[in-house]
Amino acid sequence: SLFWLIFVFAKTATGLGICKLIFGVETLLSTVPWPFIDVMIIAVPVS
């Protein structure tokens, strides 16, 4: 969940700026729909 919020989910990744600082891009997965898929959709199945 923390990884997705910091490096993928557009709303939080862009606001935090950590992904931009480390990798030079706003989000690691820029192809729709990945930047708009919420953390719970990914993290809960993994858990």
ModelCIF file with pLDDT and N, C-alpha, C, O atoms, coordinates in Angstrom:
data_MODEL
#
_entry.id   MODEL 
#
_entity.id                         1 
_entity.type                       polymer 
_entity.pdbx_number_of_molecules   1 
#
_entity_poly.entity_id                      1 
_entity_poly.type                           'polypeptide(L)' 
_entity_poly.nstd_linkage                   no 
_entity_poly.nstd_monomer                   no 
_entity_poly.pdbx_seq_one_letter_code       SLFWLIFVFAKTATGLGICKLIFGVETLLSTVPWPFIDVMIIAVPVS 
_entity_poly.pdbx_seq_one_letter_code_can   SLFWLIFVFAKTATGLGICKLIFGVETLLSTVPWPFIDVMIIAVPVS 
_entity_poly.pdbx_strand_id                 A 
#
loop_
_entity_poly_seq.entity_id 
_entity_poly_seq.num 
_entity_poly_seq.mon_id 
_entity_poly_seq.hetero 
1 1  SER n 
1 2  LEU n 
1 3  PHE n 
1 4  TRP n 
1 5  LEU n 
1 6  ILE n 
1 7  PHE n 
1 8  VAL n 
1 9  PHE n 
1 10 ALA n 
1 11 LYS n 
1 12 THR n 
1 13 ALA n 
1 14 THR n 
1 15 GLY n 
1 16 LEU n 
1 17 GLY n 
1 18 ILE n 
1 19 CYS n 
1 20 LYS n 
1 21 LEU n 
1 22 ILE n 
1 23 PHE n 
1 24 GLY n 
1 25 VAL n 
1 26 GLU n 
1 27 THR n 
1 28 LEU n 
1 29 LEU n 
1 30 SER n 
1 31 THR n 
1 32 VAL n 
1 33 PRO n 
1 34 TRP n 
1 35 PRO n 
1 36 PHE n 
1 37 ILE n 
1 38 ASP n 
1 39 VAL n 
1 40 MET n 
1 41 ILE n 
1 42 ILE n 
1 43 ALA n 
1 44 VAL n 
1 45 PRO n 
1 46 VAL n 
1 47 SER n 
#
_struct_asym.id          A 
_struct_asym.entity_id   1 
#
loop_
_ma_qa_metric.id 
_ma_qa_metric.mode 
_ma_qa_metric.name 
_ma_qa_metric.software_group_id 
_ma_qa_metric.type 
1 global pLDDT . pLDDT 
2 local  pLDDT . pLDDT 
#
_ma_qa_metric_global.metric_id      1 
_ma_qa_metric_global.metric_value   86.87 
_ma_qa_metric_global.model_id       1 
_ma_qa_metric_global.ordinal_id     1 
#
loop_
_ma_qa_metric_local.label_asym_id 
_ma_qa_metric_local.label_comp_id 
_ma_qa_metric_local.label_seq_id 
_ma_qa_metric_local.metric_id 
_ma_qa_metric_local.metric_value 
_ma_qa_metric_local.model_id 
_ma_qa_metric_local.ordinal_id 
A SER 1  2 90.00 1 1  
A LEU 2  2 89.00 1 2  
A PHE 3  2 92.00 1 3  
A TRP 4  2 91.00 1 4  
A LEU 5  2 86.00 1 5  
A ILE 6  2 86.00 1 6  
A PHE 7  2 92.00 1 7  
A VAL 8  2 91.00 1 8  
A PHE 9  2 87.00 1 9  
A ALA 10 2 85.00 1 10 
A LYS 11 2 79.00 1 11 
A THR 12 2 79.00 1 12 
A ALA 13 2 82.00 1 13 
A THR 14 2 80.00 1 14 
A GLY 15 2 71.00 1 15 
A LEU 16 2 71.00 1 16 
A GLY 17 2 79.00 1 17 
A ILE 18 2 83.00 1 18 
A CYS 19 2 87.00 1 19 
A LYS 20 2 87.00 1 20 
A LEU 21 2 88.00 1 21 
A ILE 22 2 91.00 1 22 
A PHE 23 2 91.00 1 23 
A GLY 24 2 91.00 1 24 
A VAL 25 2 91.00 1 25 
A GLU 26 2 88.00 1 26 
A THR 27 2 92.00 1 27 
A LEU 28 2 92.00 1 28 
A LEU 29 2 88.00 1 29 
A SER 30 2 86.00 1 30 
A THR 31 2 86.00 1 31 
A VAL 32 2 80.00 1 32 
A PRO 33 2 85.00 1 33 
A TRP 34 2 88.00 1 34 
A PRO 35 2 88.00 1 35 
A PHE 36 2 85.00 1 36 
A ILE 37 2 85.00 1 37 
A ASP 38 2 81.00 1 38 
A VAL 39 2 85.00 1 39 
A MET 40 2 84.00 1 40 
A ILE 41 2 88.00 1 41 
A ILE 42 2 91.00 1 42 
A ALA 43 2 92.00 1 43 
A VAL 44 2 93.00 1 44 
A PRO 45 2 95.00 1 45 
A VAL 46 2 96.00 1 46 
A SER 47 2 96.00 1 47 
#
loop_
_atom_site.group_PDB 
_atom_site.id 
_atom_site.type_symbol 
_atom_site.label_atom_id 
_atom_site.label_alt_id 
_atom_site.label_comp_id 
_atom_site.label_asym_id 
_atom_site.label_entity_id 
_atom_site.label_seq_id 
_atom_site.pdbx_PDB_ins_code 
_atom_site.Cartn_x 
_atom_site.Cartn_y 
_atom_site.Cartn_z 
_atom_site.occupancy 
_atom_site.B_iso_or_equiv 
_atom_site.pdbx_formal_charge 
_atom_site.auth_seq_id 
_atom_site.auth_comp_id 
_atom_site.auth_asym_id 
_atom_site.auth_atom_id 
_atom_site.pdbx_PDB_model_num 
ATOM 1   N N  . SER A 1 1  ? 0.837  -1.208  0.000   1.00 90.00 ? 1  SER A N  1 
ATOM 2   C CA . SER A 1 1  ? 0.000  0.000   0.000   1.00 90.00 ? 1  SER A CA 1 
ATOM 3   C C  . SER A 1 1  ? 0.870  1.256   0.000   1.00 90.00 ? 1  SER A C  1 
ATOM 4   O O  . SER A 1 1  ? 0.581  2.203   -0.732  1.00 90.00 ? 1  SER A O  1 
ATOM 5   N N  . LEU A 1 2  ? 1.922  1.279   0.803   1.00 89.00 ? 2  LEU A N  1 
ATOM 6   C CA . LEU A 1 2  ? 2.805  2.445   0.843   1.00 89.00 ? 2  LEU A CA 1 
ATOM 7   C C  . LEU A 1 2  ? 3.535  2.634   -0.490  1.00 89.00 ? 2  LEU A C  1 
ATOM 8   O O  . LEU A 1 2  ? 3.674  3.759   -0.970  1.00 89.00 ? 2  LEU A O  1 
ATOM 9   N N  . PHE A 1 3  ? 4.001  1.530   -1.086  1.00 92.00 ? 3  PHE A N  1 
ATOM 10  C CA . PHE A 1 3  ? 4.676  1.613   -2.384  1.00 92.00 ? 3  PHE A CA 1 
ATOM 11  C C  . PHE A 1 3  ? 3.726  2.185   -3.438  1.00 92.00 ? 3  PHE A C  1 
ATOM 12  O O  . PHE A 1 3  ? 4.114  3.062   -4.209  1.00 92.00 ? 3  PHE A O  1 
ATOM 13  N N  . TRP A 1 4  ? 2.492  1.695   -3.475  1.00 91.00 ? 4  TRP A N  1 
ATOM 14  C CA . TRP A 1 4  ? 1.532  2.138   -4.478  1.00 91.00 ? 4  TRP A CA 1 
ATOM 15  C C  . TRP A 1 4  ? 1.193  3.615   -4.296  1.00 91.00 ? 4  TRP A C  1 
ATOM 16  O O  . TRP A 1 4  ? 1.062  4.349   -5.276  1.00 91.00 ? 4  TRP A O  1 
ATOM 17  N N  . LEU A 1 5  ? 1.053  4.045   -3.060  1.00 86.00 ? 5  LEU A N  1 
ATOM 18  C CA . LEU A 1 5  ? 0.733  5.444   -2.789  1.00 86.00 ? 5  LEU A CA 1 
ATOM 19  C C  . LEU A 1 5  ? 1.881  6.376   -3.167  1.00 86.00 ? 5  LEU A C  1 
ATOM 20  O O  . LEU A 1 5  ? 1.644  7.485   -3.646  1.00 86.00 ? 5  LEU A O  1 
ATOM 21  N N  . ILE A 1 6  ? 3.109  5.940   -2.957  1.00 86.00 ? 6  ILE A N  1 
ATOM 22  C CA . ILE A 1 6  ? 4.273  6.800   -3.191  1.00 86.00 ? 6  ILE A CA 1 
ATOM 23  C C  . ILE A 1 6  ? 4.718  6.803   -4.652  1.00 86.00 ? 6  ILE A C  1 
ATOM 24  O O  . ILE A 1 6  ? 5.163  7.830   -5.166  1.00 86.00 ? 6  ILE A O  1 
ATOM 25  N N  . PHE A 1 7  ? 4.599  5.655   -5.322  1.00 92.00 ? 7  PHE A N  1 
ATOM 26  C CA . PHE A 1 7  ? 5.200  5.530   -6.649  1.00 92.00 ? 7  PHE A CA 1 
ATOM 27  C C  . PHE A 1 7  ? 4.234  5.302   -7.814  1.00 92.00 ? 7  PHE A C  1 
ATOM 28  O O  . PHE A 1 7  ? 4.645  5.406   -8.970  1.00 92.00 ? 7  PHE A O  1 
ATOM 29  N N  . VAL A 1 8  ? 2.952  4.991   -7.540  1.00 91.00 ? 8  VAL A N  1 
ATOM 30  C CA . VAL A 1 8  ? 2.046  4.660   -8.644  1.00 91.00 ? 8  VAL A CA 1 
ATOM 31  C C  . VAL A 1 8  ? 0.780  5.515   -8.657  1.00 91.00 ? 8  VAL A C  1 
ATOM 32  O O  . VAL A 1 8  ? 0.485  6.159   -9.664  1.00 91.00 ? 8  VAL A O  1 
ATOM 33  N N  . PHE A 1 9  ? 0.029  5.533   -7.557  1.00 87.00 ? 9  PHE A N  1 
ATOM 34  C CA . PHE A 1 9  ? -1.262 6.222   -7.518  1.00 87.00 ? 9  PHE A CA 1 
ATOM 35  C C  . PHE A 1 9  ? -1.060 7.715   -7.755  1.00 87.00 ? 9  PHE A C  1 
ATOM 36  O O  . PHE A 1 9  ? -0.389 8.382   -6.967  1.00 87.00 ? 9  PHE A O  1 
ATOM 37  N N  . ALA A 1 10 ? -1.637 8.246   -8.838  1.00 85.00 ? 10 ALA A N  1 
ATOM 38  C CA . ALA A 1 10 ? -1.304 9.589   -9.316  1.00 85.00 ? 10 ALA A CA 1 
ATOM 39  C C  . ALA A 1 10 ? -1.549 10.684  -8.290  1.00 85.00 ? 10 ALA A C  1 
ATOM 40  O O  . ALA A 1 10 ? -0.712 11.570  -8.118  1.00 85.00 ? 10 ALA A O  1 
ATOM 41  N N  . LYS A 1 11 ? -2.689 10.634  -7.603  1.00 79.00 ? 11 LYS A N  1 
ATOM 42  C CA . LYS A 1 11 ? -3.037 11.713  -6.676  1.00 79.00 ? 11 LYS A CA 1 
ATOM 43  C C  . LYS A 1 11 ? -2.003 11.881  -5.578  1.00 79.00 ? 11 LYS A C  1 
ATOM 44  O O  . LYS A 1 11 ? -1.617 13.003  -5.250  1.00 79.00 ? 11 LYS A O  1 
ATOM 45  N N  . THR A 1 12 ? -1.557 10.778  -5.014  1.00 79.00 ? 12 THR A N  1 
ATOM 46  C CA . THR A 1 12 ? -0.600 10.860  -3.903  1.00 79.00 ? 12 THR A CA 1 
ATOM 47  C C  . THR A 1 12 ? 0.847  10.914  -4.391  1.00 79.00 ? 12 THR A C  1 
ATOM 48  O O  . THR A 1 12 ? 1.664  11.634  -3.818  1.00 79.00 ? 12 THR A O  1 
ATOM 49  N N  . ALA A 1 13 ? 1.168  10.168  -5.435  1.00 82.00 ? 13 ALA A N  1 
ATOM 50  C CA . ALA A 1 13 ? 2.544  10.156  -5.947  1.00 82.00 ? 13 ALA A CA 1 
ATOM 51  C C  . ALA A 1 13 ? 2.953  11.544  -6.437  1.00 82.00 ? 13 ALA A C  1 
ATOM 52  O O  . ALA A 1 13 ? 4.069  11.996  -6.182  1.00 82.00 ? 13 ALA A O  1 
ATOM 53  N N  . THR A 1 14 ? 2.043  12.214  -7.141  1.00 80.00 ? 14 THR A N  1 
ATOM 54  C CA . THR A 1 14 ? 2.335  13.556  -7.631  1.00 80.00 ? 14 THR A CA 1 
ATOM 55  C C  . THR A 1 14 ? 2.463  14.545  -6.479  1.00 80.00 ? 14 THR A C  1 
ATOM 56  O O  . THR A 1 14 ? 3.358  15.391  -6.471  1.00 80.00 ? 14 THR A O  1 
ATOM 57  N N  . GLY A 1 15 ? 1.563  14.432  -5.506  1.00 71.00 ? 15 GLY A N  1 
ATOM 58  C CA . GLY A 1 15 ? 1.599  15.352  -4.374  1.00 71.00 ? 15 GLY A CA 1 
ATOM 59  C C  . GLY A 1 15 ? 2.838  15.191  -3.512  1.00 71.00 ? 15 GLY A C  1 
ATOM 60  O O  . GLY A 1 15 ? 3.423  16.179  -3.068  1.00 71.00 ? 15 GLY A O  1 
ATOM 61  N N  . LEU A 1 16 ? 3.240  13.951  -3.274  1.00 71.00 ? 16 LEU A N  1 
ATOM 62  C CA . LEU A 1 16 ? 4.416  13.701  -2.434  1.00 71.00 ? 16 LEU A CA 1 
ATOM 63  C C  . LEU A 1 16 ? 5.715  14.066  -3.139  1.00 71.00 ? 16 LEU A C  1 
ATOM 64  O O  . LEU A 1 16 ? 6.633  14.602  -2.520  1.00 71.00 ? 16 LEU A O  1 
ATOM 65  N N  . GLY A 1 17 ? 5.791  13.772  -4.439  1.00 79.00 ? 17 GLY A N  1 
ATOM 66  C CA . GLY A 1 17 ? 6.979  14.131  -5.218  1.00 79.00 ? 17 GLY A CA 1 
ATOM 67  C C  . GLY A 1 17 ? 8.177  13.222  -5.042  1.00 79.00 ? 17 GLY A C  1 
ATOM 68  O O  . GLY A 1 17 ? 9.232  13.479  -5.623  1.00 79.00 ? 17 GLY A O  1 
ATOM 69  N N  . ILE A 1 18 ? 8.042  12.155  -4.248  1.00 83.00 ? 18 ILE A N  1 
ATOM 70  C CA . ILE A 1 18 ? 9.173  11.251  -4.006  1.00 83.00 ? 18 ILE A CA 1 
ATOM 71  C C  . ILE A 1 18 ? 9.534  10.491  -5.271  1.00 83.00 ? 18 ILE A C  1 
ATOM 72  O O  . ILE A 1 18 ? 10.713 10.329  -5.588  1.00 83.00 ? 18 ILE A O  1 
ATOM 73  N N  . CYS A 1 19 ? 8.523  10.025  -5.994  1.00 87.00 ? 19 CYS A N  1 
ATOM 74  C CA . CYS A 1 19 ? 8.755  9.297   -7.242  1.00 87.00 ? 19 CYS A CA 1 
ATOM 75  C C  . CYS A 1 19 ? 9.482  10.199  -8.253  1.00 87.00 ? 19 CYS A C  1 
ATOM 76  O O  . CYS A 1 19 ? 10.418 9.759   -8.920  1.00 87.00 ? 19 CYS A O  1 
ATOM 77  N N  . LYS A 1 20 ? 9.055  11.431  -8.357  1.00 87.00 ? 20 LYS A N  1 
ATOM 78  C CA . LYS A 1 20 ? 9.684  12.399  -9.266  1.00 87.00 ? 20 LYS A CA 1 
ATOM 79  C C  . LYS A 1 20 ? 11.132 12.639  -8.879  1.00 87.00 ? 20 LYS A C  1 
ATOM 80  O O  . LYS A 1 20 ? 12.004 12.734  -9.743  1.00 87.00 ? 20 LYS A O  1 
ATOM 81  N N  . LEU A 1 21 ? 11.387 12.736  -7.591  1.00 88.00 ? 21 LEU A N  1 
ATOM 82  C CA . LEU A 1 21 ? 12.739 12.997  -7.099  1.00 88.00 ? 21 LEU A CA 1 
ATOM 83  C C  . LEU A 1 21 ? 13.682 11.840  -7.407  1.00 88.00 ? 21 LEU A C  1 
ATOM 84  O O  . LEU A 1 21 ? 14.828 12.059  -7.799  1.00 88.00 ? 21 LEU A O  1 
ATOM 85  N N  . ILE A 1 22 ? 13.198 10.598  -7.228  1.00 91.00 ? 22 ILE A N  1 
ATOM 86  C CA . ILE A 1 22 ? 14.064 9.424   -7.394  1.00 91.00 ? 22 ILE A CA 1 
ATOM 87  C C  . ILE A 1 22 ? 14.159 8.982   -8.855  1.00 91.00 ? 22 ILE A C  1 
ATOM 88  O O  . ILE A 1 22 ? 15.250 8.694   -9.348  1.00 91.00 ? 22 ILE A O  1 
ATOM 89  N N  . PHE A 1 23 ? 13.028 8.928   -9.540  1.00 91.00 ? 23 PHE A N  1 
ATOM 90  C CA . PHE A 1 23 ? 12.999 8.345   -10.882 1.00 91.00 ? 23 PHE A CA 1 
ATOM 91  C C  . PHE A 1 23 ? 12.780 9.366   -11.999 1.00 91.00 ? 23 PHE A C  1 
ATOM 92  O O  . PHE A 1 23 ? 12.889 9.025   -13.177 1.00 91.00 ? 23 PHE A O  1 
ATOM 93  N N  . GLY A 1 24 ? 12.471 10.614  -11.638 1.00 91.00 ? 24 GLY A N  1 
ATOM 94  C CA . GLY A 1 24 ? 12.290 11.644  -12.655 1.00 91.00 ? 24 GLY A CA 1 
ATOM 95  C C  . GLY A 1 24 ? 10.939 11.627  -13.346 1.00 91.00 ? 24 GLY A C  1 
ATOM 96  O O  . GLY A 1 24 ? 10.751 12.341  -14.332 1.00 91.00 ? 24 GLY A O  1 
ATOM 97  N N  . VAL A 1 25 ? 9.984  10.827  -12.855 1.00 91.00 ? 25 VAL A N  1 
ATOM 98  C CA . VAL A 1 25 ? 8.637  10.765  -13.429 1.00 91.00 ? 25 VAL A CA 1 
ATOM 99  C C  . VAL A 1 25 ? 7.611  10.907  -12.307 1.00 91.00 ? 25 VAL A C  1 
ATOM 100 O O  . VAL A 1 25 ? 7.901  10.611  -11.148 1.00 91.00 ? 25 VAL A O  1 
ATOM 101 N N  . GLU A 1 26 ? 6.404  11.365  -12.664 1.00 88.00 ? 26 GLU A N  1 
ATOM 102 C CA . GLU A 1 26 ? 5.362  11.557  -11.662 1.00 88.00 ? 26 GLU A CA 1 
ATOM 103 C C  . GLU A 1 26 ? 4.896  10.233  -11.066 1.00 88.00 ? 26 GLU A C  1 
ATOM 104 O O  . GLU A 1 26 ? 4.638  10.149  -9.865  1.00 88.00 ? 26 GLU A O  1 
ATOM 105 N N  . THR A 1 27 ? 4.790  9.208   -11.894 1.00 92.00 ? 27 THR A N  1 
ATOM 106 C CA . THR A 1 27 ? 4.343  7.884   -11.463 1.00 92.00 ? 27 THR A CA 1 
ATOM 107 C C  . THR A 1 27 ? 5.042  6.823   -12.285 1.00 92.00 ? 27 THR A C  1 
ATOM 108 O O  . THR A 1 27 ? 5.289  7.028   -13.474 1.00 92.00 ? 27 THR A O  1 
ATOM 109 N N  . LEU A 1 28 ? 5.366  5.689   -11.678 1.00 92.00 ? 28 LEU A N  1 
ATOM 110 C CA . LEU A 1 28 ? 6.105  4.640   -12.382 1.00 92.00 ? 28 LEU A CA 1 
ATOM 111 C C  . LEU A 1 28 ? 5.269  3.963   -13.457 1.00 92.00 ? 28 LEU A C  1 
ATOM 112 O O  . LEU A 1 28 ? 5.811  3.469   -14.446 1.00 92.00 ? 28 LEU A O  1 
ATOM 113 N N  . LEU A 1 29 ? 3.940  3.938   -13.270 1.00 88.00 ? 29 LEU A N  1 
ATOM 114 C CA . LEU A 1 29 ? 3.045  3.339   -14.262 1.00 88.00 ? 29 LEU A CA 1 
ATOM 115 C C  . LEU A 1 29 ? 2.107  4.429   -14.768 1.00 88.00 ? 29 LEU A C  1 
ATOM 116 O O  . LEU A 1 29 ? 1.110  4.753   -14.123 1.00 88.00 ? 29 LEU A O  1 
ATOM 117 N N  . SER A 1 30 ? 2.435  4.986   -15.921 1.00 86.00 ? 30 SER A N  1 
ATOM 118 C CA . SER A 1 30 ? 1.673  6.126   -16.422 1.00 86.00 ? 30 SER A CA 1 
ATOM 119 C C  . SER A 1 30 ? 0.544  5.747   -17.376 1.00 86.00 ? 30 SER A C  1 
ATOM 120 O O  . SER A 1 30 ? -0.269 6.595   -17.741 1.00 86.00 ? 30 SER A O  1 
ATOM 121 N N  . THR A 1 31 ? 0.490  4.478   -17.782 1.00 86.00 ? 31 THR A N  1 
ATOM 122 C CA . THR A 1 31 ? -0.536 4.036   -18.717 1.00 86.00 ? 31 THR A CA 1 
ATOM 123 C C  . THR A 1 31 ? -1.866 3.839   -17.995 1.00 86.00 ? 31 THR A C  1 
ATOM 124 O O  . THR A 1 31 ? -1.932 3.180   -16.958 1.00 86.00 ? 31 THR A O  1 
ATOM 125 N N  . VAL A 1 32 ? -2.929 4.424   -18.563 1.00 80.00 ? 32 VAL A N  1 
ATOM 126 C CA . VAL A 1 32 ? -4.274 4.253   -17.983 1.00 80.00 ? 32 VAL A CA 1 
ATOM 127 C C  . VAL A 1 32 ? -4.653 2.773   -18.052 1.00 80.00 ? 32 VAL A C  1 
ATOM 128 O O  . VAL A 1 32 ? -4.433 2.144   -19.087 1.00 80.00 ? 32 VAL A O  1 
ATOM 129 N N  . PRO A 1 33 ? -5.220 2.193   -16.978 1.00 85.00 ? 33 PRO A N  1 
ATOM 130 C CA . PRO A 1 33 ? -5.788 2.865   -15.794 1.00 85.00 ? 33 PRO A CA 1 
ATOM 131 C C  . PRO A 1 33 ? -4.881 2.870   -14.569 1.00 85.00 ? 33 PRO A C  1 
ATOM 132 O O  . PRO A 1 33 ? -5.311 3.332   -13.512 1.00 85.00 ? 33 PRO A O  1 
ATOM 133 N N  . TRP A 1 34 ? -3.639 2.373   -14.660 1.00 88.00 ? 34 TRP A N  1 
ATOM 134 C CA . TRP A 1 34 ? -2.818 2.128   -13.472 1.00 88.00 ? 34 TRP A CA 1 
ATOM 135 C C  . TRP A 1 34 ? -2.675 3.321   -12.530 1.00 88.00 ? 34 TRP A C  1 
ATOM 136 O O  . TRP A 1 34 ? -2.777 3.121   -11.320 1.00 88.00 ? 34 TRP A O  1 
ATOM 137 N N  . PRO A 1 35 ? -2.447 4.550   -13.001 1.00 88.00 ? 35 PRO A N  1 
ATOM 138 C CA . PRO A 1 35 ? -2.288 5.664   -12.048 1.00 88.00 ? 35 PRO A CA 1 
ATOM 139 C C  . PRO A 1 35 ? -3.570 6.015   -11.298 1.00 88.00 ? 35 PRO A C  1 
ATOM 140 O O  . PRO A 1 35 ? -3.544 6.780   -10.334 1.00 88.00 ? 35 PRO A O  1 
ATOM 141 N N  . PHE A 1 36 ? -4.704 5.445   -11.751 1.00 85.00 ? 36 PHE A N  1 
ATOM 142 C CA . PHE A 1 36 ? -5.995 5.784   -11.147 1.00 85.00 ? 36 PHE A CA 1 
ATOM 143 C C  . PHE A 1 36 ? -6.602 4.621   -10.366 1.00 85.00 ? 36 PHE A C  1 
ATOM 144 O O  . PHE A 1 36 ? -7.674 4.760   -9.777  1.00 85.00 ? 36 PHE A O  1 
ATOM 145 N N  . ILE A 1 37 ? -5.925 3.483   -10.359 1.00 85.00 ? 37 ILE A N  1 
ATOM 146 C CA . ILE A 1 37 ? -6.400 2.328   -9.587  1.00 85.00 ? 37 ILE A CA 1 
ATOM 147 C C  . ILE A 1 37 ? -5.961 2.489   -8.144  1.00 85.00 ? 37 ILE A C  1 
ATOM 148 O O  . ILE A 1 37 ? -4.774 2.650   -7.860  1.00 85.00 ? 37 ILE A O  1 
ATOM 149 N N  . ASP A 1 38 ? -6.901 2.446   -7.258  1.00 81.00 ? 38 ASP A N  1 
ATOM 150 C CA . ASP A 1 38 ? -6.602 2.744   -5.861  1.00 81.00 ? 38 ASP A CA 1 
ATOM 151 C C  . ASP A 1 38 ? -5.816 1.620   -5.191  1.00 81.00 ? 38 ASP A C  1 
ATOM 152 O O  . ASP A 1 38 ? -5.819 0.471   -5.632  1.00 81.00 ? 38 ASP A O  1 
ATOM 153 N N  . VAL A 1 39 ? -5.151 2.001   -4.116  1.00 85.00 ? 39 VAL A N  1 
ATOM 154 C CA . VAL A 1 39 ? -4.248 1.099   -3.414  1.00 85.00 ? 39 VAL A CA 1 
ATOM 155 C C  . VAL A 1 39 ? -4.941 -0.162  -2.918  1.00 85.00 ? 39 VAL A C  1 
ATOM 156 O O  . VAL A 1 39 ? -4.347 -1.240  -2.928  1.00 85.00 ? 39 VAL A O  1 
ATOM 157 N N  . MET A 1 40 ? -6.177 -0.038  -2.489  1.00 84.00 ? 40 MET A N  1 
ATOM 158 C CA . MET A 1 40 ? -6.862 -1.190  -1.903  1.00 84.00 ? 40 MET A CA 1 
ATOM 159 C C  . MET A 1 40 ? -7.085 -2.296  -2.935  1.00 84.00 ? 40 MET A C  1 
ATOM 160 O O  . MET A 1 40 ? -7.049 -3.477  -2.589  1.00 84.00 ? 40 MET A O  1 
ATOM 161 N N  . ILE A 1 41 ? -7.312 -1.933  -4.179  1.00 88.00 ? 41 ILE A N  1 
ATOM 162 C CA . ILE A 1 41 ? -7.525 -2.909  -5.243  1.00 88.00 ? 41 ILE A CA 1 
ATOM 163 C C  . ILE A 1 41 ? -6.294 -3.786  -5.434  1.00 88.00 ? 41 ILE A C  1 
ATOM 164 O O  . ILE A 1 41 ? -6.404 -4.956  -5.801  1.00 88.00 ? 41 ILE A O  1 
ATOM 165 N N  . ILE A 1 42 ? -5.138 -3.217  -5.186  1.00 91.00 ? 42 ILE A N  1 
ATOM 166 C CA . ILE A 1 42 ? -3.870 -3.941  -5.368  1.00 91.00 ? 42 ILE A CA 1 
ATOM 167 C C  . ILE A 1 42 ? -3.410 -4.599  -4.068  1.00 91.00 ? 42 ILE A C  1 
ATOM 168 O O  . ILE A 1 42 ? -3.071 -5.783  -4.055  1.00 91.00 ? 42 ILE A O  1 
ATOM 169 N N  . ALA A 1 43 ? -3.397 -3.838  -2.983  1.00 92.00 ? 43 ALA A N  1 
ATOM 170 C CA . ALA A 1 43 ? -2.756 -4.287  -1.750  1.00 92.00 ? 43 ALA A CA 1 
ATOM 171 C C  . ALA A 1 43 ? -3.537 -5.354  -1.006  1.00 92.00 ? 43 ALA A C  1 
ATOM 172 O O  . ALA A 1 43 ? -2.928 -6.260  -0.437  1.00 92.00 ? 43 ALA A O  1 
ATOM 173 N N  . VAL A 1 44 ? -4.862 -5.283  -0.987  1.00 93.00 ? 44 VAL A N  1 
ATOM 174 C CA . VAL A 1 44 ? -5.651 -6.277  -0.252  1.00 93.00 ? 44 VAL A CA 1 
ATOM 175 C C  . VAL A 1 44 ? -5.506 -7.671  -0.849  1.00 93.00 ? 44 VAL A C  1 
ATOM 176 O O  . VAL A 1 44 ? -5.305 -8.620  -0.091  1.00 93.00 ? 44 VAL A O  1 
ATOM 177 N N  . PRO A 1 45 ? -5.598 -7.849  -2.192  1.00 95.00 ? 45 PRO A N  1 
ATOM 178 C CA . PRO A 1 45 ? -5.344 -9.181  -2.758  1.00 95.00 ? 45 PRO A CA 1 
ATOM 179 C C  . PRO A 1 45 ? -3.936 -9.699  -2.482  1.00 95.00 ? 45 PRO A C  1 
ATOM 180 O O  . PRO A 1 45 ? -3.746 -10.896 -2.263  1.00 95.00 ? 45 PRO A O  1 
ATOM 181 N N  . VAL A 1 46 ? -2.949 -8.802  -2.490  1.00 96.00 ? 46 VAL A N  1 
ATOM 182 C CA . VAL A 1 46 ? -1.569 -9.220  -2.170  1.00 96.00 ? 46 VAL A CA 1 
ATOM 183 C C  . VAL A 1 46 ? -1.494 -9.708  -0.728  1.00 96.00 ? 46 VAL A C  1 
ATOM 184 O O  . VAL A 1 46 ? -0.910 -10.755 -0.448  1.00 96.00 ? 46 VAL A O  1 
ATOM 185 N N  . SER A 1 47 ? -2.088 -8.944  0.182   1.00 96.00 ? 47 SER A N  1 
ATOM 186 C CA . SER A 1 47 ? -2.098 -9.341  1.590   1.00 96.00 ? 47 SER A CA 1 
ATOM 187 C C  . SER A 1 47 ? -2.801 -10.679 1.777   1.00 96.00 ? 47 SER A C  1 
ATOM 188 O O  . SER A 1 47 ? -2.904 -11.170 2.901   1.00 96.00 ? 47 SER A O  1 
#
